[in-house]
PDB file of N, CA and C in Angstrom:
ATOM      1  N   UNK A   1      15.018  -2.085 -25.524  1.00  0.00           N
ATOM      2  CA  UNK A   1      14.209  -2.332 -24.883  1.00  0.00           C
ATOM      3  C   UNK A   1      14.084  -3.177 -23.829  1.00  0.00           C
ATOM      4  N   UNK A   2      15.011  -3.690 -23.636  1.00  0.00           N
ATOM      5  CA  UNK A   2      15.146  -4.822 -22.539  1.00  0.00           C
ATOM      6  C   UNK A   2      15.258  -4.033 -21.285  1.00  0.00           C
ATOM      7  N   UNK A   3      16.368  -3.178 -21.282  1.00  0.00           N
ATOM      8  CA  UNK A   3      16.405  -2.296 -20.021  1.00  0.00           C
ATOM      9  C   UNK A   3      15.129  -1.500 -19.269  1.00  0.00           C
ATOM     10  N   UNK A   4      14.327  -1.234 -20.376  1.00  0.00           N
ATOM     11  CA  UNK A   4      12.806  -0.756 -20.205  1.00  0.00           C
ATOM     12  C   UNK A   4      12.193  -1.783 -19.310  1.00  0.00           C
ATOM     13  N   UNK A   5      11.981  -2.937 -19.747  1.00  0.00           N
ATOM     14  CA  UNK A   5      11.384  -4.100 -18.721  1.00  0.00           C
ATOM     15  C   UNK A   5      11.747  -4.256 -17.433  1.00  0.00           C
ATOM     16  N   UNK A   6      13.267  -4.237 -17.606  1.00  0.00           N
ATOM     17  CA  UNK A   6      13.732  -4.322 -16.290  1.00  0.00           C
ATOM     18  C   UNK A   6      13.378  -3.589 -15.296  1.00  0.00           C
ATOM     19  N   UNK A   7      13.839  -2.035 -15.740  1.00  0.00           N
ATOM     20  CA  UNK A   7      13.374  -1.216 -14.602  1.00  0.00           C
ATOM     21  C   UNK A   7      12.076  -0.986 -14.157  1.00  0.00           C
ATOM     22  N   UNK A   8      11.054  -1.190 -14.847  1.00  0.00           N
ATOM     23  CA  UNK A   8       9.846  -1.361 -14.811  1.00  0.00           C
ATOM     24  C   UNK A   8       9.352  -2.478 -13.830  1.00  0.00           C
ATOM     25  N   UNK A   9      10.432  -3.733 -13.972  1.00  0.00           N
ATOM     26  CA  UNK A   9      10.004  -4.675 -13.274  1.00  0.00           C
ATOM     27  C   UNK A   9      10.278  -4.708 -11.899  1.00  0.00           C
ATOM     28  N   UNK A  10      11.532  -3.974 -11.889  1.00  0.00           N
ATOM     29  CA  UNK A  10      12.215  -3.767 -10.487  1.00  0.00           C
ATOM     30  C   UNK A  10      11.264  -2.678  -9.600  1.00  0.00           C
ATOM     31  N   UNK A  11      11.211  -1.541 -10.330  1.00  0.00           N
ATOM     32  CA  UNK A  11      10.201  -0.499  -9.941  1.00  0.00           C
ATOM     33  C   UNK A  11       9.264  -1.211  -9.426  1.00  0.00           C
ATOM     34  N   UNK A  12       8.163  -1.808 -10.040  1.00  0.00           N
ATOM     35  CA  UNK A  12       6.918  -2.243  -9.314  1.00  0.00           C
ATOM     36  C   UNK A  12       7.351  -3.543  -8.317  1.00  0.00           C
ATOM     37  N   UNK A  13       8.390  -4.319  -8.349  1.00  0.00           N
ATOM     38  CA  UNK A  13       8.770  -5.267  -7.218  1.00  0.00           C
ATOM     39  C   UNK A  13       8.941  -4.407  -6.001  1.00  0.00           C
ATOM     40  N   UNK A  14       9.754  -3.375  -5.992  1.00  0.00           N
ATOM     41  CA  UNK A  14      10.310  -2.180  -4.804  1.00  0.00           C
ATOM     42  C   UNK A  14       8.628  -1.611  -4.158  1.00  0.00           C
ATOM     43  N   UNK A  15       7.701  -1.264  -5.098  1.00  0.00           N
ATOM     44  CA  UNK A  15       6.586  -0.932  -5.037  1.00  0.00           C
ATOM     45  C   UNK A  15       5.810  -1.958  -3.976  1.00  0.00           C
ATOM     46  N   UNK A  16       5.373  -2.835  -4.741  1.00  0.00           N
ATOM     47  CA  UNK A  16       4.941  -3.857  -3.885  1.00  0.00           C
ATOM     48  C   UNK A  16       5.520  -4.740  -2.633  1.00  0.00           C
ATOM     49  N   UNK A  17       6.873  -4.719  -2.617  1.00  0.00           N
ATOM     50  CA  UNK A  17       7.291  -4.936  -1.427  1.00  0.00           C
ATOM     51  C   UNK A  17       7.263  -4.186  -0.355  1.00  0.00           C
ATOM     52  N   UNK A  18       7.634  -3.207  -0.642  1.00  0.00           N
ATOM     53  CA  UNK A  18       7.409  -2.323   0.451  1.00  0.00           C
ATOM     54  C   UNK A  18       6.069  -1.942   0.910  1.00  0.00           C
ATOM     55  N   UNK A  19       4.796  -2.145   0.090  1.00  0.00           N
ATOM     56  CA  UNK A  19       3.623  -2.289   0.721  1.00  0.00           C
ATOM     57  C   UNK A  19       3.535  -3.335   1.496  1.00  0.00           C
ATOM     58  N   UNK A  20       3.753  -4.411   1.145  1.00  0.00           N
ATOM     59  CA  UNK A  20       4.058  -5.833   1.524  1.00  0.00           C
ATOM     60  C   UNK A  20       4.248  -5.942   3.441  1.00  0.00           C
ATOM     61  N   UNK A  21       5.771  -5.047   2.706  1.00  0.00           N
ATOM     62  CA  UNK A  21       6.361  -5.395   4.667  1.00  0.00           C
ATOM     63  C   UNK A  21       5.883  -4.147   4.972  1.00  0.00           C
ATOM     64  N   UNK A  22       5.359  -3.338   5.111  1.00  0.00           N
ATOM     65  CA  UNK A  22       4.750  -1.896   5.897  1.00  0.00           C
ATOM     66  C   UNK A  22       3.425  -2.799   6.144  1.00  0.00           C
ATOM     67  N   UNK A  23       2.942  -3.184   5.295  1.00  0.00           N
ATOM     68  CA  UNK A  23       1.661  -4.174   6.154  1.00  0.00           C
ATOM     69  C   UNK A  23       1.886  -4.949   7.086  1.00  0.00           C
ATOM     70  N   UNK A  24       2.727  -6.007   7.091  1.00  0.00           N
ATOM     71  CA  UNK A  24       3.089  -7.106   7.563  1.00  0.00           C
ATOM     72  C   UNK A  24       3.395  -6.350   8.920  1.00  0.00           C
ATOM     73  N   UNK A  25       4.485  -5.568   9.334  1.00  0.00           N
ATOM     74  CA  UNK A  25       4.807  -5.090  10.218  1.00  0.00           C
ATOM     75  C   UNK A  25       3.958  -3.902  10.719  1.00  0.00           C
ATOM     76  N   UNK A  26       3.201  -3.638  10.358  1.00  0.00           N
ATOM     77  CA  UNK A  26       2.191  -2.596  11.245  1.00  0.00           C
ATOM     78  C   UNK A  26       1.101  -3.535  11.848  1.00  0.00           C
ATOM     79  N   UNK A  27       0.764  -4.786  10.956  1.00  0.00           N
ATOM     80  CA  UNK A  27      -0.255  -5.737  11.470  1.00  0.00           C
ATOM     81  C   UNK A  27       0.168  -6.573  12.779  1.00  0.00           C
ATOM     82  N   UNK A  28       1.520  -6.706  12.749  1.00  0.00           N
ATOM     83  CA  UNK A  28       2.220  -7.756  13.574  1.00  0.00           C
ATOM     84  C   UNK A  28       2.042  -6.653  15.224  1.00  0.00           C
ATOM     85  N   UNK A  29       2.458  -5.167  15.074  1.00  0.00           N
ATOM     86  CA  UNK A  29       2.264  -4.562  16.027  1.00  0.00           C
ATOM     87  C   UNK A  29       0.726  -4.256  16.597  1.00  0.00           C
ATOM     88  N   UNK A  30       0.099  -4.299  15.420  1.00  0.00           N
ATOM     89  CA  UNK A  30      -1.392  -4.140  16.048  1.00  0.00           C
ATOM     90  C   UNK A  30      -1.922  -5.507  16.772  1.00  0.00           C
ATOM     91  N   UNK A  31      -1.365  -6.414  16.301  1.00  0.00           N
ATOM     92  CA  UNK A  31      -1.891  -7.578  16.959  1.00  0.00           C
ATOM     93  C   UNK A  31      -0.894  -7.945  18.493  1.00  0.00           C
ATOM     94  N   UNK A  32       0.078  -7.450  18.750  1.00  0.00           N
ATOM     95  CA  UNK A  32       0.829  -7.796  19.771  1.00  0.00           C
ATOM     96  C   UNK A  32       0.311  -6.683  20.802  1.00  0.00           C
ATOM     97  N   UNK A  33      -0.084  -5.183  20.639  1.00  0.00           N
ATOM     98  CA  UNK A  33      -0.934  -4.945  21.364  1.00  0.00           C
ATOM     99  C   UNK A  33      -1.894  -5.171  21.664  1.00  0.00           C
ATOM    100  N   UNK A  34      -2.712  -5.880  21.043  1.00  0.00           N
ATOM    101  CA  UNK A  34      -3.705  -6.249  21.172  1.00  0.00           C
ATOM    102  C   UNK A  34      -4.051  -7.643  22.263  1.00  0.00           C
ATOM    103  N   UNK A  35      -2.692  -8.300  22.052  1.00  0.00           N
ATOM    104  CA  UNK A  35      -2.379  -9.472  22.982  1.00  0.00           C
ATOM    105  C   UNK A  35      -2.090  -9.337  24.354  1.00  0.00           C
ATOM    106  N   UNK A  36      -1.453  -7.820  24.104  1.00  0.00           N
ATOM    107  CA  UNK A  36      -0.930  -7.168  25.842  1.00  0.00           C
ATOM    108  C   UNK A  36      -2.256  -6.714  26.342  1.00  0.00           C
ATOM    109  N   UNK A  37      -3.614  -6.565  25.748  1.00  0.00           N
ATOM    110  CA  UNK A  37      -4.956  -5.840  26.380  1.00  0.00           C
ATOM    111  C   UNK A  37      -4.513  -4.587  26.404  1.00  0.00           C
ATOM    112  N   UNK A  38      -3.943  -4.021  25.433  1.00  0.00           N
ATOM    113  CA  UNK A  38      -3.708  -2.635  25.016  1.00  0.00           C
ATOM    114  C   UNK A  38      -4.694  -2.356  24.157  1.00  0.00           C
ATOM    115  N   UNK A  39      -5.010  -1.217  23.854  1.00  0.00           N
ATOM    116  CA  UNK A  39      -5.905  -0.642  22.455  1.00  0.00           C
ATOM    117  C   UNK A  39      -5.426  -0.426  21.770  1.00  0.00           C
ATOM    118  N   UNK A  40      -5.643  -1.291  20.247  1.00  0.00           N
ATOM    119  CA  UNK A  40      -4.514  -1.041  19.181  1.00  0.00           C
ATOM    120  C   UNK A  40      -4.529   0.271  18.745  1.00  0.00           C
ATOM    121  N   UNK A  41      -3.407   0.765  18.240  1.00  0.00           N
ATOM    122  CA  UNK A  41      -3.636   1.910  17.552  1.00  0.00           C
ATOM    123  C   UNK A  41      -3.222   2.167  15.980  1.00  0.00           C
ATOM    124  N   UNK A  42      -3.782   2.797  15.493  1.00  0.00           N
ATOM    125  CA  UNK A  42      -3.840   3.045  13.883  1.00  0.00           C
ATOM    126  C   UNK A  42      -1.918   3.334  13.519  1.00  0.00           C
ATOM    127  N   UNK A  43      -1.949   2.852  12.208  1.00  0.00           N
ATOM    128  CA  UNK A  43      -0.681   3.235  11.973  1.00  0.00           C
ATOM    129  C   UNK A  43      -0.243   4.629  11.487  1.00  0.00           C
ATOM    130  N   UNK A  44       0.886   4.820  11.870  1.00  0.00           N
ATOM    131  CA  UNK A  44       1.541   6.186  11.642  1.00  0.00           C
ATOM    132  C   UNK A  44       1.164   6.811   9.707  1.00  0.00           C
ATOM    133  N   UNK A  45       0.727   8.123  10.133  1.00  0.00           N
ATOM    134  CA  UNK A  45       0.323   8.253   8.378  1.00  0.00           C
ATOM    135  C   UNK A  45       1.405   8.363   7.599  1.00  0.00           C
ATOM    136  N   UNK A  46       2.625   8.518   7.935  1.00  0.00           N
ATOM    137  CA  UNK A  46       3.725   8.120   6.874  1.00  0.00           C
ATOM    138  C   UNK A  46       3.946   6.424   6.623  1.00  0.00           C
ATOM    139  N   UNK A  47       3.184   6.058   7.733  1.00  0.00           N
ATOM    140  CA  UNK A  47       3.093   4.149   6.914  1.00  0.00           C
ATOM    141  C   UNK A  47       2.079   3.851   6.061  1.00  0.00           C
ATOM    142  N   UNK A  48       1.070   4.555   6.511  1.00  0.00           N
ATOM    143  CA  UNK A  48      -0.271   4.832   5.350  1.00  0.00           C
ATOM    144  C   UNK A  48      -0.019   5.373   4.000  1.00  0.00           C
ATOM    145  N   UNK A  49       0.933   6.328   4.193  1.00  0.00           N
ATOM    146  CA  UNK A  49       1.057   7.015   2.821  1.00  0.00           C
ATOM    147  C   UNK A  49       1.976   6.249   2.065  1.00  0.00           C
ATOM    148  N   UNK A  50       3.237   5.652   2.649  1.00  0.00           N
ATOM    149  CA  UNK A  50       4.085   4.695   2.070  1.00  0.00           C
ATOM    150  C   UNK A  50       3.631   3.563   1.603  1.00  0.00           C
ATOM    151  N   UNK A  51       2.692   2.915   2.210  1.00  0.00           N
ATOM    152  CA  UNK A  51       2.097   1.862   1.903  1.00  0.00           C
ATOM    153  C   UNK A  51       1.374   2.255   0.344  1.00  0.00           C
ATOM    154  N   UNK A  52       0.442   3.501   0.285  1.00  0.00           N
ATOM    155  CA  UNK A  52      -0.396   3.413  -0.837  1.00  0.00           C
ATOM    156  C   UNK A  52       0.610   4.084  -1.919  1.00  0.00           C
ATOM    157  N   UNK A  53       1.827   4.796  -1.877  1.00  0.00           N
ATOM    158  CA  UNK A  53       2.778   5.183  -2.747  1.00  0.00           C
ATOM    159  C   UNK A  53       3.148   4.225  -3.251  1.00  0.00           C
ATOM    160  N   UNK A  54       3.551   2.831  -2.319  1.00  0.00           N
ATOM    161  CA  UNK A  54       4.243   1.840  -3.284  1.00  0.00           C
ATOM    162  C   UNK A  54       2.936   1.068  -3.865  1.00  0.00           C
ATOM    163  N   UNK A  55       1.773   0.906  -3.367  1.00  0.00           N
ATOM    164  CA  UNK A  55       0.896   0.290  -4.159  1.00  0.00           C
ATOM    165  C   UNK A  55       0.947   1.218  -5.522  1.00  0.00           C
ATOM    166  N   UNK A  56       0.679   2.293  -5.556  1.00  0.00           N
ATOM    167  CA  UNK A  56       0.685   3.430  -6.509  1.00  0.00           C
ATOM    168  C   UNK A  56       1.791   3.038  -7.613  1.00  0.00           C
ATOM    169  N   UNK A  57       2.930   3.179  -7.268  1.00  0.00           N
ATOM    170  CA  UNK A  57       4.072   2.619  -8.044  1.00  0.00           C
ATOM    171  C   UNK A  57       4.140   1.254  -8.725  1.00  0.00           C
ATOM    172  N   UNK A  58       3.366   0.141  -7.835  1.00  0.00           N
ATOM    173  CA  UNK A  58       3.051  -1.169  -8.257  1.00  0.00           C
ATOM    174  C   UNK A  58       2.271  -0.871  -9.569  1.00  0.00           C
ATOM    175  N   UNK A  59       1.154  -0.324  -9.159  1.00  0.00           N
ATOM    176  CA  UNK A  59      -0.075  -0.397 -10.426  1.00  0.00           C
ATOM    177  C   UNK A  59       0.592   0.406 -11.499  1.00  0.00           C
ATOM    178  N   UNK A  60       1.448   1.786 -11.478  1.00  0.00           N
ATOM    179  CA  UNK A  60       1.450   2.178 -12.648  1.00  0.00           C
ATOM    180  C   UNK A  60       2.619   1.323 -13.620  1.00  0.00           C
ATOM    181  N   UNK A  61       3.716   0.750 -12.552  1.00  0.00           N
ATOM    182  CA  UNK A  61       4.204  -0.076 -13.347  1.00  0.00           C
ATOM    183  C   UNK A  61       3.771  -1.400 -14.184  1.00  0.00           C
ATOM    184  N   UNK A  62       2.941  -1.928 -13.756  1.00  0.00           N
ATOM    185  CA  UNK A  62       2.106  -2.612 -14.317  1.00  0.00           C
ATOM    186  C   UNK A  62       1.756  -2.378 -15.750  1.00  0.00           C
ATOM    187  N   UNK A  63       1.048  -0.952 -15.169  1.00  0.00           N
ATOM    188  CA  UNK A  63       0.417  -0.492 -16.669  1.00  0.00           C
ATOM    189  C   UNK A  63       1.513  -0.124 -17.516  1.00  0.00           C
ATOM    190  N   UNK A  64       2.603   0.573 -17.257  1.00  0.00           N
ATOM    191  CA  UNK A  64       3.766   0.775 -18.406  1.00  0.00           C
ATOM    192  C   UNK A  64       3.971  -0.448 -18.842  1.00  0.00           C
ATOM    193  N   UNK A  65       4.360  -1.625 -18.078  1.00  0.00           N
ATOM    194  CA  UNK A  65       4.744  -3.244 -18.833  1.00  0.00           C
ATOM    195  C   UNK A  65       3.859  -3.430 -20.079  1.00  0.00           C
ATOM    196  N   UNK A  66       2.442  -3.136 -19.307  1.00  0.00           N
ATOM    197  CA  UNK A  66       1.203  -3.620 -20.470  1.00  0.00           C
ATOM    198  C   UNK A  66       1.423  -2.631 -21.692  1.00  0.00           C
ATOM    199  N   UNK A  67       1.766  -1.371 -21.760  1.00  0.00           N
ATOM    200  CA  UNK A  67       1.895  -0.118 -22.894  1.00  0.00           C
ATOM    201  C   UNK A  67       2.979  -0.613 -23.410  1.00  0.00           C
ATOM    202  N   UNK A  68       4.389  -0.915 -22.595  1.00  0.00           N
ATOM    203  CA  UNK A  68       5.497  -1.186 -23.500  1.00  0.00           C
ATOM    204  C   UNK A  68       5.445  -2.699 -24.132  1.00  0.00           C
ATOM    205  N   UNK A  69       4.809  -3.361 -23.709  1.00  0.00           N
ATOM    206  CA  UNK A  69       4.407  -4.926 -24.558  1.00  0.00           C
ATOM    207  C   UNK A  69       3.442  -4.816 -25.663  1.00  0.00           C
ATOM    208  N   UNK A  70       2.746  -3.833 -25.988  1.00  0.00           N
ATOM    209  CA  UNK A  70       1.533  -3.374 -26.959  1.00  0.00           C
ATOM    210  C   UNK A  70       2.450  -2.707 -27.968  1.00  0.00           C
ATOM    211  N   UNK A  71       3.443  -1.746 -27.399  1.00  0.00           N
ATOM    212  CA  UNK A  71       4.061  -1.275 -28.553  1.00  0.00           C
ATOM    213  C   UNK A  71       4.992  -2.093 -28.972  1.00  0.00           C
ATOM    214  N   UNK A  72       5.610  -2.910 -28.027  1.00  0.00           N
ATOM    215  CA  UNK A  72       6.818  -3.752 -28.955  1.00  0.00           C
ATOM    216  C   UNK A  72       6.004  -4.825 -29.788  1.00  0.00           C
ATOM    217  N   UNK A  73       4.998  -5.211 -29.495  1.00  0.00           N
ATOM    218  CA  UNK A  73       4.077  -6.144 -30.615  1.00  0.00           C
ATOM    219  C   UNK A  73       3.702  -5.510 -31.677  1.00  0.00           C
ATOM    220  N   UNK A  74       3.459  -4.392 -31.544  1.00  0.00           N
ATOM    221  CA  UNK A  74       3.013  -3.544 -32.706  1.00  0.00           C
ATOM    222  C   UNK A  74       4.133  -3.612 -33.385  1.00  0.00           C
ATOM    223  N   UNK A  75       5.208  -2.910 -33.004  1.00  0.00           N
ATOM    224  CA  UNK A  75       6.537  -2.737 -33.743  1.00  0.00           C
ATOM    225  C   UNK A  75       7.072  -4.034 -34.120  1.00  0.00           C
ATOM    226  N   UNK A  76       7.000  -4.915 -33.666  1.00  0.00           N
ATOM    227  CA  UNK A  76       7.248  -6.527 -34.450  1.00  0.00           C
ATOM    228  C   UNK A  76       6.258  -6.510 -35.557  1.00  0.00           C
ATOM    229  N   UNK A  77       5.490  -6.434 -35.506  1.00  0.00           N
ATOM    230  CA  UNK A  77       4.300  -6.658 -36.624  1.00  0.00           C
ATOM    231  C   UNK A  77       4.629  -5.937 -37.997  1.00  0.00           C
ATOM    232  N   UNK A  78       5.178  -4.335 -37.733  1.00  0.00           N
ATOM    233  CA  UNK A  78       5.307  -3.688 -38.579  1.00  0.00           C
ATOM    234  C   UNK A  78       6.584  -4.046 -39.234  1.00  0.00           C
ATOM    235  N   UNK A  79       7.316  -4.638 -38.835  1.00  0.00           N
ATOM    236  CA  UNK A  79       8.913  -5.108 -39.308  1.00  0.00           C
ATOM    237  C   UNK A  79       8.610  -6.112 -40.356  1.00  0.00           C
ATOM    238  N   UNK A  80       7.440  -7.129 -39.625  1.00  0.00           N
ATOM    239  CA  UNK A  80       7.602  -8.250 -40.383  1.00  0.00           C
ATOM    240  C   UNK A  80       6.631  -7.954 -41.925  1.00  0.00           C
ATOM    241  N   UNK A  81       5.950  -6.975 -41.454  1.00  0.00           N
ATOM    242  CA  UNK A  81       4.546  -6.802 -42.670  1.00  0.00           C
ATOM    243  C   UNK A  81       5.551  -6.046 -43.668  1.00  0.00           C
ATOM    244  N   UNK A  82       6.458  -5.352 -43.341  1.00  0.00           N
ATOM    245  CA  UNK A  82       7.198  -4.340 -44.393  1.00  0.00           C
ATOM    246  C   UNK A  82       8.304  -4.936 -45.368  1.00  0.00           C
ATOM    247  N   UNK A  83       8.860  -6.376 -44.826  1.00  0.00           N
ATOM    248  CA  UNK A  83       9.807  -7.156 -45.123  1.00  0.00           C
ATOM    249  C   UNK A  83       9.188  -8.105 -46.271  1.00  0.00           C
TER     250      UNK A  83
END
């Protein structure tokens, strides 16, 4: 069960980290263009899609961790009540 927790934690961290890094990079690009007097441009579609994917992976990992914790608690209670 510990491996499941570790894998969900790593997966969620990677998703959140990718969303944060892409957002920061595109924000810096936007600000630099703005300071140069150029019209800021929107982020490319792949960046937006990757950011959304990272956020979805993070959200699903949090839900999976919550469900895993609930199942673990129920299993532990059942073991203690049967003994």
